[in-house]
Protein backbone atom coordinates (compact mmCIF):
# COMPACT_ATOMS: atom_id res chain seq x y z
CA MET A 1 -50.82 73.11 11.95
CA ALA A 2 -47.62 71.88 11.71
CA ARG A 3 -47.41 67.95 10.97
CA LYS A 4 -45.49 65.93 12.94
CA THR A 5 -42.88 63.93 11.81
CA LYS A 6 -42.00 60.43 13.27
CA ALA A 7 -38.33 60.27 14.22
CA ALA A 8 -36.26 57.76 12.62
CA LYS A 9 -35.57 54.85 14.09
CA ALA A 10 -31.70 54.66 14.91
CA GLU A 11 -29.89 51.83 13.05
CA PRO A 12 -28.91 49.01 15.40
CA GLN A 13 -25.60 48.39 15.96
CA VAL A 14 -24.00 45.10 14.34
CA ASP A 15 -21.70 43.18 16.75
CA VAL A 16 -18.86 42.52 14.63
CA GLY A 17 -17.20 39.87 16.25
CA ALA A 18 -20.51 37.69 16.63
CA GLU A 19 -21.14 38.58 12.71
CA ILE A 20 -17.79 37.49 11.87
CA PHE A 21 -18.19 34.02 13.94
CA ALA A 22 -21.68 33.74 12.59
CA SER A 23 -20.30 33.43 8.68
CA LEU A 24 -17.35 31.35 10.03
CA ARG A 25 -19.63 28.74 11.59
CA GLU A 26 -21.77 28.69 8.45
CA LEU A 27 -18.33 28.33 6.45
CA GLU A 28 -17.81 25.35 8.70
CA LYS A 29 -20.71 23.39 7.78
CA ILE A 30 -20.50 24.09 4.22
CA LYS A 31 -16.93 23.60 3.63
CA GLY A 32 -16.09 21.67 6.82
CA ILE A 33 -13.57 24.71 7.95
CA PRO A 34 -12.39 24.66 11.19
CA VAL A 35 -13.80 27.82 12.75
CA ASP A 36 -10.46 28.30 14.93
CA TYR A 37 -8.10 27.83 11.44
CA MET A 38 -9.97 30.64 9.89
CA VAL A 39 -10.03 32.58 13.07
CA GLU A 40 -6.32 32.62 12.94
CA ARG A 41 -6.16 33.18 9.11
CA LEU A 42 -8.51 36.08 9.42
CA LYS A 43 -5.98 37.55 12.27
CA GLN A 44 -3.38 37.42 10.21
CA ALA A 45 -5.08 39.21 7.43
CA LEU A 46 -5.81 42.11 9.28
CA ALA A 47 -2.42 42.36 10.96
CA ASN A 48 -0.93 42.13 7.17
CA ALA A 49 -3.57 44.64 6.29
CA TYR A 50 -2.94 47.22 8.29
CA ARG A 51 0.92 47.36 8.10
CA LYS A 52 0.32 47.70 4.47
CA ASP A 53 -1.90 50.21 4.66
CA ARG A 54 -0.22 52.82 6.97
CA GLU A 55 3.17 53.91 4.78
CA ASP A 56 4.99 54.54 8.34
CA HIS A 57 3.84 50.79 9.68
CA ARG A 58 4.78 49.14 6.86
CA ASP A 59 8.05 47.99 8.38
CA VAL A 60 6.65 47.35 11.63
CA PRO A 61 6.83 43.46 12.66
CA ALA A 62 4.41 41.32 12.57
CA ASP A 63 4.53 40.82 16.31
CA ASN A 64 3.81 44.44 17.26
CA VAL A 65 0.21 44.25 15.57
CA ILE A 66 -2.13 42.26 17.92
CA VAL A 67 -5.57 41.51 16.66
CA ASN A 68 -8.15 39.85 18.87
CA LEU A 69 -11.39 38.30 17.40
CA ASP A 70 -13.51 36.71 19.18
CA GLU A 71 -17.27 36.47 19.92
CA HIS A 72 -17.89 39.15 21.81
CA GLY A 73 -15.74 41.55 18.85
CA LEU A 74 -12.88 42.59 16.98
CA SER A 75 -9.98 45.06 18.23
CA ILE A 76 -6.60 45.86 16.82
CA HIS A 77 -3.73 47.20 18.79
CA LEU A 78 -0.38 48.45 17.94
CA VAL A 79 2.28 47.79 20.69
CA LYS A 80 5.10 50.36 21.10
CA THR A 81 7.73 51.38 23.31
CA ALA A 82 7.64 53.73 25.62
CA VAL A 83 10.98 56.41 25.43
CA THR A 84 11.70 59.82 26.79
CA GLU A 85 11.52 62.55 24.28
CA ASP A 86 15.53 62.38 24.08
CA GLU A 87 15.49 58.69 23.40
CA LEU A 88 12.90 58.68 20.40
CA GLU A 89 13.93 57.31 17.25
CA ASP A 90 11.45 55.29 15.71
CA LEU A 91 7.90 56.65 15.70
CA ALA A 92 6.61 53.36 14.02
CA LEU A 93 7.91 51.29 17.14
CA GLU A 94 8.20 54.04 20.13
CA ILE A 95 6.15 56.14 21.51
CA PRO A 96 7.07 59.19 23.87
CA ILE A 97 6.19 58.85 27.50
CA ASP A 98 3.68 61.62 27.75
CA ALA A 99 1.87 60.02 25.17
CA ALA A 100 2.62 56.80 26.40
CA ARG A 101 0.43 57.92 29.41
CA ARG A 102 -2.73 58.16 27.70
CA TYR A 103 -3.39 55.23 27.37
CA LYS A 104 -1.54 53.86 30.58
CA ALA A 105 -1.47 56.22 33.44
CA ASP A 106 1.65 54.56 35.01
CA ALA A 107 3.84 53.82 32.21
CA GLN A 108 7.20 53.98 32.41
CA PRO A 109 10.32 54.40 29.87
CA GLY A 110 10.52 50.70 28.57
CA ASP A 111 6.77 49.77 29.01
CA GLN A 112 5.26 48.10 26.27
CA ILE A 113 1.98 50.11 25.35
CA SER A 114 -1.04 48.70 23.47
CA ILE A 115 -2.23 51.48 20.99
CA PRO A 116 -5.96 50.86 19.63
CA VAL A 117 -6.19 51.02 15.82
CA ASP A 118 -9.78 51.87 13.98
CA TYR A 119 -9.76 49.47 11.52
CA GLN A 120 -12.81 50.96 9.94
CA LYS A 121 -10.24 53.78 8.44
CA PHE A 122 -8.15 51.09 6.27
CA GLY A 123 -8.01 52.35 2.62
CA ARG A 124 -9.33 49.94 -0.05
CA ILE A 125 -5.94 48.44 -0.49
CA ALA A 126 -5.66 47.27 3.00
CA ALA A 127 -9.10 45.74 2.63
CA GLN A 128 -8.57 44.12 -0.80
CA THR A 129 -5.21 42.32 0.67
CA ALA A 130 -7.17 41.25 3.48
CA LYS A 131 -10.19 39.45 1.68
CA GLN A 132 -7.38 37.97 -0.94
CA VAL A 133 -5.58 36.16 2.36
CA VAL A 134 -8.63 34.83 3.36
CA ILE A 135 -9.63 33.49 -0.05
CA GLN A 136 -6.19 31.87 0.05
CA GLY A 137 -6.54 30.56 3.44
CA ILE A 138 -10.04 29.24 2.59
CA ARG A 139 -8.37 27.46 -0.50
CA GLU A 140 -5.87 25.90 1.86
CA ALA A 141 -8.24 24.87 4.11
CA GLU A 142 -10.03 23.16 1.46
CA ARG A 143 -7.24 21.33 0.27
CA GLY A 144 -6.30 20.24 3.77
CA VAL A 145 -9.98 19.13 4.49
CA MET A 146 -9.53 17.25 1.43
CA TYR A 147 -6.07 15.90 2.21
CA GLU A 148 -7.44 14.53 5.58
CA SER A 149 -10.53 12.64 4.06
CA TYR A 150 -8.31 11.36 1.05
CA SER A 151 -5.43 10.14 3.32
CA ASN A 152 -8.02 7.78 5.35
CA LYS A 153 -8.57 6.27 2.19
CA SER A 154 -4.92 4.85 1.93
CA GLN A 155 -5.09 0.84 0.99
CA GLU A 156 -8.41 0.94 0.79
CA LEU A 157 -10.98 0.87 -2.26
CA MET A 158 -12.47 3.55 -3.99
CA THR A 159 -14.67 4.12 -7.30
CA GLY A 160 -13.09 6.36 -10.34
CA THR A 161 -14.11 7.70 -13.44
CA VAL A 162 -11.75 7.81 -16.39
CA PHE A 163 -11.90 11.39 -17.70
CA ARG A 164 -8.49 11.38 -19.19
CA THR A 165 -5.67 9.25 -20.79
CA VAL A 166 -2.51 10.34 -20.92
CA PRO A 167 -1.09 9.56 -24.48
CA ALA A 168 2.75 9.64 -23.79
CA THR A 169 3.07 7.85 -20.86
CA GLY A 170 -0.28 5.96 -20.72
CA ASP A 171 -1.20 6.87 -17.49
CA VAL A 172 -5.00 7.12 -16.64
CA LEU A 173 -6.87 9.87 -14.95
CA LEU A 174 -9.79 9.16 -12.84
CA LYS A 175 -12.30 11.67 -10.34
CA VAL A 176 -13.23 9.89 -7.31
CA GLY A 177 -15.11 11.26 -4.60
CA GLN A 178 -18.22 13.37 -5.01
CA GLY A 179 -19.22 17.29 -5.45
CA ASN A 180 -17.15 19.74 -4.22
CA ASP A 181 -14.82 16.47 -2.25
CA ALA A 182 -14.04 15.14 -5.92
CA SER A 183 -10.66 14.55 -6.41
CA GLU A 184 -8.31 13.65 -9.24
CA ALA A 185 -6.36 9.97 -8.91
CA MET A 186 -3.75 9.06 -11.13
CA LEU A 187 -3.70 5.37 -12.49
CA ARG A 188 0.08 4.45 -13.62
CA SER A 189 0.68 2.47 -16.68
CA GLY A 190 2.29 0.06 -14.51
CA GLU A 191 -0.44 -0.23 -12.21
CA GLN A 192 -2.84 -0.63 -15.10
CA ILE A 193 -3.79 -4.64 -15.61
CA PRO A 194 -2.37 -5.88 -18.43
CA GLY A 195 -4.63 -6.05 -21.95
CA GLU A 196 -7.24 -3.88 -19.94
CA THR A 197 -8.17 -0.55 -22.23
CA TYR A 198 -10.07 2.48 -20.65
CA THR A 199 -12.38 4.60 -21.97
CA GLU A 200 -13.78 8.17 -21.00
CA GLY A 201 -16.67 7.71 -18.52
CA GLN A 202 -15.91 4.35 -17.73
CA ILE A 203 -16.46 3.55 -14.27
CA LEU A 204 -13.37 1.70 -12.22
CA LYS A 205 -12.74 0.27 -8.58
CA VAL A 206 -9.21 0.91 -7.59
CA TYR A 207 -7.03 0.30 -4.76
CA VAL A 208 -5.77 3.31 -3.02
CA LEU A 209 -1.95 3.26 -2.39
CA ASP A 210 -1.00 6.69 -1.14
CA VAL A 211 -1.91 10.31 -0.99
CA ARG A 212 0.08 13.08 -1.02
CA LYS A 213 -0.32 16.88 -0.66
CA SER A 214 0.05 19.05 -3.87
CA ASP A 215 -1.11 22.72 -5.08
CA ARG A 216 -4.25 20.98 -6.39
CA GLY A 217 -5.39 19.62 -3.69
CA PRO A 218 -4.95 15.52 -2.78
CA LEU A 219 -2.93 13.48 -5.13
CA VAL A 220 -4.52 10.00 -5.24
CA GLN A 221 -2.21 7.24 -6.40
CA VAL A 222 -4.10 3.62 -7.05
CA SER A 223 -3.82 0.19 -8.57
CA ARG A 224 -5.62 -2.37 -10.53
CA THR A 225 -2.72 -4.67 -10.17
CA HIS A 226 -2.05 -4.80 -6.49
CA PRO A 227 -3.03 -7.96 -4.58
CA ASN A 228 -5.05 -6.22 -2.19
CA LEU A 229 -7.36 -5.18 -4.78
CA VAL A 230 -8.76 -8.78 -4.70
CA ARG A 231 -8.76 -8.39 -0.87
CA ARG A 232 -11.11 -5.23 -1.25
CA LEU A 233 -13.52 -6.44 -3.40
CA PHE A 234 -13.86 -9.78 -1.64
CA GLU A 235 -14.39 -7.81 1.68
CA LEU A 236 -17.08 -5.80 -0.09
CA GLU A 237 -18.95 -8.88 -1.81
CA THR A 238 -18.63 -11.23 1.39
CA PRO A 239 -20.43 -10.00 4.41
CA GLU A 240 -18.66 -13.19 6.37
CA ILE A 241 -15.21 -11.29 5.71
CA ALA A 242 -16.60 -8.02 7.07
CA GLU A 243 -17.80 -9.48 9.84
CA GLY A 244 -14.69 -11.04 10.72
CA GLN A 245 -16.28 -14.67 10.31
CA VAL A 246 -13.53 -15.41 7.46
CA GLU A 247 -10.21 -14.12 7.39
CA ILE A 248 -8.23 -13.64 4.14
CA ARG A 249 -4.61 -15.09 4.81
CA ASN A 250 -2.71 -14.19 1.63
CA ILE A 251 -3.08 -13.61 -2.32
CA ALA A 252 -0.96 -14.49 -4.77
CA ARG A 253 -1.91 -12.39 -8.25
CA GLU A 254 -0.62 -12.25 -11.77
CA PRO A 255 -2.87 -9.59 -12.53
CA GLY A 256 -5.26 -10.08 -15.59
CA SER A 257 -4.94 -13.70 -15.79
CA ARG A 258 -4.96 -15.49 -12.41
CA SER A 259 -5.18 -15.15 -8.14
CA LYS A 260 -4.60 -17.49 -5.44
CA MET A 261 -6.37 -16.55 -2.52
CA ALA A 262 -6.05 -18.50 1.29
CA VAL A 263 -8.59 -18.16 3.66
CA ARG A 264 -9.77 -19.56 6.96
CA ALA A 265 -12.89 -19.66 8.59
CA ALA A 266 -12.10 -17.32 12.07
CA MET A 267 -15.32 -19.57 13.79
CA GLU A 268 -17.12 -22.47 13.74
CA GLY A 269 -19.56 -23.92 11.57
CA ILE A 270 -18.17 -21.45 8.65
CA ASP A 271 -17.11 -22.88 5.17
CA PRO A 272 -14.29 -19.99 4.08
CA VAL A 273 -14.56 -20.98 0.45
CA GLY A 274 -18.02 -21.62 0.23
CA ALA A 275 -18.41 -17.85 1.85
CA CYS A 276 -16.22 -16.33 -0.71
CA VAL A 277 -18.22 -18.16 -3.74
CA GLY A 278 -21.29 -17.26 -2.94
CA PRO A 279 -24.89 -18.91 -3.47
CA ARG A 280 -24.80 -19.86 -7.25
CA GLY A 281 -21.01 -18.34 -7.64
CA GLY A 282 -22.59 -14.99 -7.07
CA ARG A 283 -20.05 -13.04 -5.43
CA VAL A 284 -16.78 -14.58 -7.14
CA ASN A 285 -18.40 -13.67 -9.93
CA ALA A 286 -18.67 -10.32 -9.41
CA VAL A 287 -14.90 -9.85 -8.59
CA VAL A 288 -14.06 -11.92 -11.71
CA GLU A 289 -16.34 -9.58 -13.60
CA GLU A 290 -14.85 -6.49 -12.14
CA LEU A 291 -11.40 -7.84 -12.83
CA HIS A 292 -12.63 -8.27 -16.67
CA GLY A 293 -12.10 -12.19 -16.48
CA GLU A 294 -9.31 -13.14 -14.25
CA LYS A 295 -9.44 -16.15 -12.76
CA ILE A 296 -9.52 -16.78 -9.14
CA ASP A 297 -8.63 -20.03 -7.24
CA ILE A 298 -10.16 -19.58 -3.67
CA VAL A 299 -8.14 -22.33 -1.22
CA VAL A 300 -8.42 -23.10 2.32
CA TRP A 301 -5.63 -22.29 4.72
CA SER A 302 -3.57 -24.59 7.04
CA PRO A 303 -0.49 -23.93 9.84
CA GLU A 304 0.48 -27.44 8.42
CA ILE A 305 2.74 -26.67 5.74
CA SER A 306 2.36 -29.85 3.53
CA THR A 307 -1.79 -29.43 3.47
CA TYR A 308 -1.62 -26.13 2.81
CA ALA A 309 0.45 -26.72 -0.05
CA ARG A 310 -1.73 -29.43 -1.12
CA ASN A 311 -4.29 -27.18 -1.27
CA ALA A 312 -2.41 -24.08 -3.18
CA LEU A 313 -1.62 -26.72 -5.82
CA ALA A 314 -5.27 -27.58 -6.43
CA PRO A 315 -6.56 -28.88 -9.16
CA ALA A 316 -3.66 -31.20 -9.40
CA VAL A 317 -3.68 -34.33 -7.41
CA ILE A 318 -0.50 -34.72 -4.69
CA SER A 319 1.11 -38.04 -3.90
CA ARG A 320 3.47 -36.68 -1.09
CA ILE A 321 5.55 -33.79 0.02
CA VAL A 322 8.97 -33.74 1.31
CA VAL A 323 9.05 -30.67 3.67
CA ASP A 324 13.19 -29.28 3.81
CA GLU A 325 12.69 -26.44 5.90
CA ALA A 326 16.37 -25.78 6.06
CA GLU A 327 16.15 -24.81 2.14
CA ASN A 328 12.32 -23.70 2.61
CA LEU A 329 11.92 -26.07 0.09
CA LEU A 330 9.12 -28.13 -0.86
CA GLU A 331 9.71 -31.34 -2.95
CA VAL A 332 6.17 -32.59 -4.10
CA THR A 333 5.85 -35.82 -6.11
CA VAL A 334 2.50 -35.77 -8.32
CA PRO A 335 1.24 -38.82 -10.74
CA ASP A 336 2.24 -38.89 -14.25
CA ASP A 337 -0.92 -37.78 -15.42
CA GLN A 338 -1.19 -34.81 -13.21
CA LEU A 339 2.50 -33.17 -13.80
CA THR A 340 0.95 -31.05 -16.38
CA SER A 341 -1.92 -30.07 -13.96
CA ALA A 342 0.38 -29.15 -10.89
CA ILE A 343 3.00 -27.13 -13.31
CA GLY A 344 0.02 -24.87 -15.05
CA ARG A 345 0.26 -23.15 -17.90
CA LYS A 346 3.28 -21.17 -18.65
CA GLY A 347 4.13 -22.34 -15.04
CA GLN A 348 1.55 -20.45 -13.60
CA ASN A 349 -0.22 -22.68 -11.14
CA VAL A 350 2.78 -23.63 -9.79
CA LYS A 351 4.40 -20.11 -9.24
CA LEU A 352 1.21 -18.83 -7.66
CA ALA A 353 1.74 -21.33 -5.30
CA ALA A 354 5.08 -20.80 -4.41
CA LYS A 355 4.26 -17.46 -4.10
CA LEU A 356 1.18 -18.01 -1.81
CA LEU A 357 3.02 -19.87 0.34
CA GLY A 358 6.56 -17.93 0.20
CA TRP A 359 8.28 -21.64 0.30
CA LYS A 360 10.05 -22.98 -2.90
CA ILE A 361 8.42 -26.13 -5.13
CA ASP A 362 10.07 -28.38 -7.00
CA ILE A 363 7.94 -30.94 -8.36
CA PHE A 364 8.50 -34.23 -9.57
CA THR A 365 6.52 -37.35 -11.20
CA GLU A 366 6.43 -40.71 -9.84
CA THR A 367 8.10 -42.00 -11.97
CA ARG A 368 10.90 -39.80 -11.51
CA TYR A 369 10.94 -40.19 -8.15
CA ASN A 370 10.93 -43.69 -7.45
CA GLU A 371 13.96 -43.53 -10.18
CA THR A 372 15.90 -41.47 -9.10
CA ASN A 373 15.55 -42.96 -5.25
CA ALA A 374 16.75 -46.09 -7.07
CA ILE A 375 20.13 -44.20 -8.04
CA GLY A 376 20.35 -42.83 -4.56
CA ARG A 377 19.72 -46.42 -2.84
CA GLY A 378 22.14 -48.11 -5.10
CA LEU A 379 25.05 -45.75 -4.06
CA GLU A 380 24.06 -46.18 -0.28
CA GLN A 381 23.61 -50.09 -0.56
CA VAL A 382 27.95 -50.07 -2.29
CA ALA A 383 28.63 -47.82 0.84
CA SER A 384 26.81 -50.19 3.44
CA VAL A 385 28.56 -53.25 1.67
CA ALA A 386 32.31 -51.32 2.08
CA GLU A 387 31.26 -50.01 5.81
CA VAL A 388 31.96 -46.82 4.97
CA SER A 389 29.85 -43.81 4.74
CA VAL A 390 28.24 -41.95 1.71
CA ASP A 391 30.16 -39.10 2.69
CA SER A 392 33.17 -41.21 2.58
CA LEU A 393 32.69 -42.51 -1.07
CA VAL A 394 31.67 -38.72 -1.94
CA SER A 395 34.74 -37.32 -0.46
CA ALA A 396 37.03 -39.66 -2.13
CA GLY A 397 35.62 -38.22 -5.23
CA PHE A 398 33.14 -41.13 -6.13
CA THR A 399 29.68 -39.89 -6.47
CA THR A 400 28.13 -42.21 -8.89
CA LEU A 401 28.18 -46.22 -9.12
CA GLU A 402 29.92 -45.58 -12.73
CA GLN A 403 32.87 -43.81 -10.92
CA LEU A 404 33.33 -46.82 -8.43
CA GLN A 405 33.12 -49.46 -11.13
CA ASP A 406 35.92 -47.66 -13.45
CA ALA A 407 38.11 -47.10 -10.36
CA THR A 408 41.18 -49.73 -10.17
CA ASP A 409 41.66 -52.04 -7.00
CA GLU A 410 44.60 -49.74 -6.08
CA GLU A 411 42.45 -46.72 -6.32
CA LEU A 412 39.84 -47.90 -4.08
CA SER A 413 42.27 -49.31 -1.55
CA GLU A 414 44.12 -45.93 -1.58
CA LYS A 415 40.91 -43.51 -1.21
CA LEU A 416 38.91 -45.89 0.94
CA SER A 417 41.24 -47.72 2.81
CA LEU A 418 39.38 -51.08 2.26
CA SER A 419 41.22 -54.40 2.58
CA ASP A 420 41.15 -56.64 -0.18
CA SER A 421 38.57 -59.09 0.83
CA ARG A 422 36.04 -55.72 1.07
CA ILE A 423 37.23 -54.53 -1.89
CA GLY A 424 35.79 -57.98 -3.51
CA ASP A 425 32.54 -57.89 -1.78
CA LEU A 426 32.32 -54.00 -3.26
CA ARG A 427 33.08 -55.10 -7.07
CA ALA A 428 30.32 -57.81 -6.13
CA ALA A 429 27.76 -54.81 -4.82
CA ILE A 430 28.60 -53.05 -7.83
CA ASN A 431 28.18 -55.35 -10.70
CA PHE A 432 24.91 -56.48 -9.15
CA LEU A 433 23.17 -52.72 -8.73
CA SER A 434 24.74 -50.89 -11.50
CA PRO A 435 22.52 -52.52 -14.72
CA VAL A 436 19.61 -51.62 -12.32
CA VAL A 437 20.80 -48.46 -11.86
CA GLY A 438 21.77 -47.39 -15.11
CA GLU A 439 18.58 -48.39 -16.71
CA SER A 440 16.53 -46.15 -13.80
CA ALA A 441 19.08 -43.51 -14.97
CA ASP A 442 18.24 -43.34 -18.59
CA LYS A 443 14.56 -43.89 -17.63
CA ALA A 444 14.65 -40.53 -15.53
CA ASP A 445 16.50 -38.68 -18.15
CA ALA A 446 13.99 -39.15 -20.60
CA ASP A 447 10.95 -38.46 -18.43
CA ALA A 448 12.57 -35.40 -17.32
CA ASP A 449 12.96 -34.65 -20.71
CA LYS A 450 9.19 -35.79 -21.57
CA ALA A 451 8.29 -33.33 -18.61
CA ASP A 452 10.45 -30.31 -20.07
CA GLU A 453 8.63 -30.58 -23.91
CA THR A 454 5.34 -30.56 -21.58
CA ALA A 455 6.23 -27.05 -20.13
CA ALA A 456 7.72 -25.99 -23.24
CA GLY A 457 4.40 -26.35 -25.15
CA GLU A 458 2.07 -24.93 -21.96
CA ASP A 459 4.25 -21.70 -22.74
CA GLU A 460 3.79 -21.63 -26.18
């Protein structure tokens, strides 16, 4: 008896569109590449593959090859223009009217006819071309996704690992990010803290200056010298700053040496300086350690410029501050023994304070201030006795008591229009004030020389 054989099951038909979309969704999940982006790349690849596969269709415009790809399926159509037999010139772009009516029953000359293409008959070269285009699309999409990811990190803090130094320029390359999202960052020599050395594998926190597109992915430019590096480090270490309870108003910095940071409390009951310093100095010490010993002065910001200046010039004790808004200048007077503290080593304290405030600062000792004012008052008193303004004396060429003393009576009469009796009063006032003013001027010059010597010694 003949043995019955079981009929083989027909292989289920695979929905190409559904299969492609399932793969694209997986790709989006793993690589973060949007499905819509890859669909467009695939459609472009398949259109180009068809044109290259057919010798007689290589010159067909891309717009004449229509690729439809969605979850319901994949289809390719070639668009040709219907023409009469006697008008037919190019089979790649035109179709005789009789043939056109097989695809569109009511076709008329000039109609655009959509002709289905059997994409499964593509040759090996066309398939390889499509594959390469898709691979390139994936790489471009990955770079695009990475660029978008890193562009959002501009002006933020990142952690990088040193992997190479460029000997010719001194630039340092770092790896930032994790896994597939890792990218290169460039720490140029001009953005490095003076005196810092970098070794392979060293971990650094850096401030992102800029992110640009490149053929190799995002090009991240970073800095170790930017004042905002200090800002971001304190935001990281100080919850009160991250939560908006304490505000950093400004930062002045000499990288590797010293920084001044002005802070204010954004709500009552908060000590802004104490919050930044942290318990037992832990927060500020963490920042100092990351900056390899750079000292940090934290001062309280104030809307009142003289108060703000006193805070910024700390630890120096300030006697008085004269504000010249027209010149954006602060004339600061300190006790004689506070001059060195106010100026700082190599002038650093006053320079950073001026940068923090955004004002010019002139510093005087008490002695210099008093003696300079004595000179000024002497000229004013003479002007008062002569009943002329100081401006009139200056306009006449008399800017010091010595010049007035040396002038003849005729010069005083001619230049100041004074009577003999007023000239006599003027002479008496000059003779009385000259010894006092002369002694004061000598002392002021000596004090200035001493201050210059002190500053020069600090510079050394």
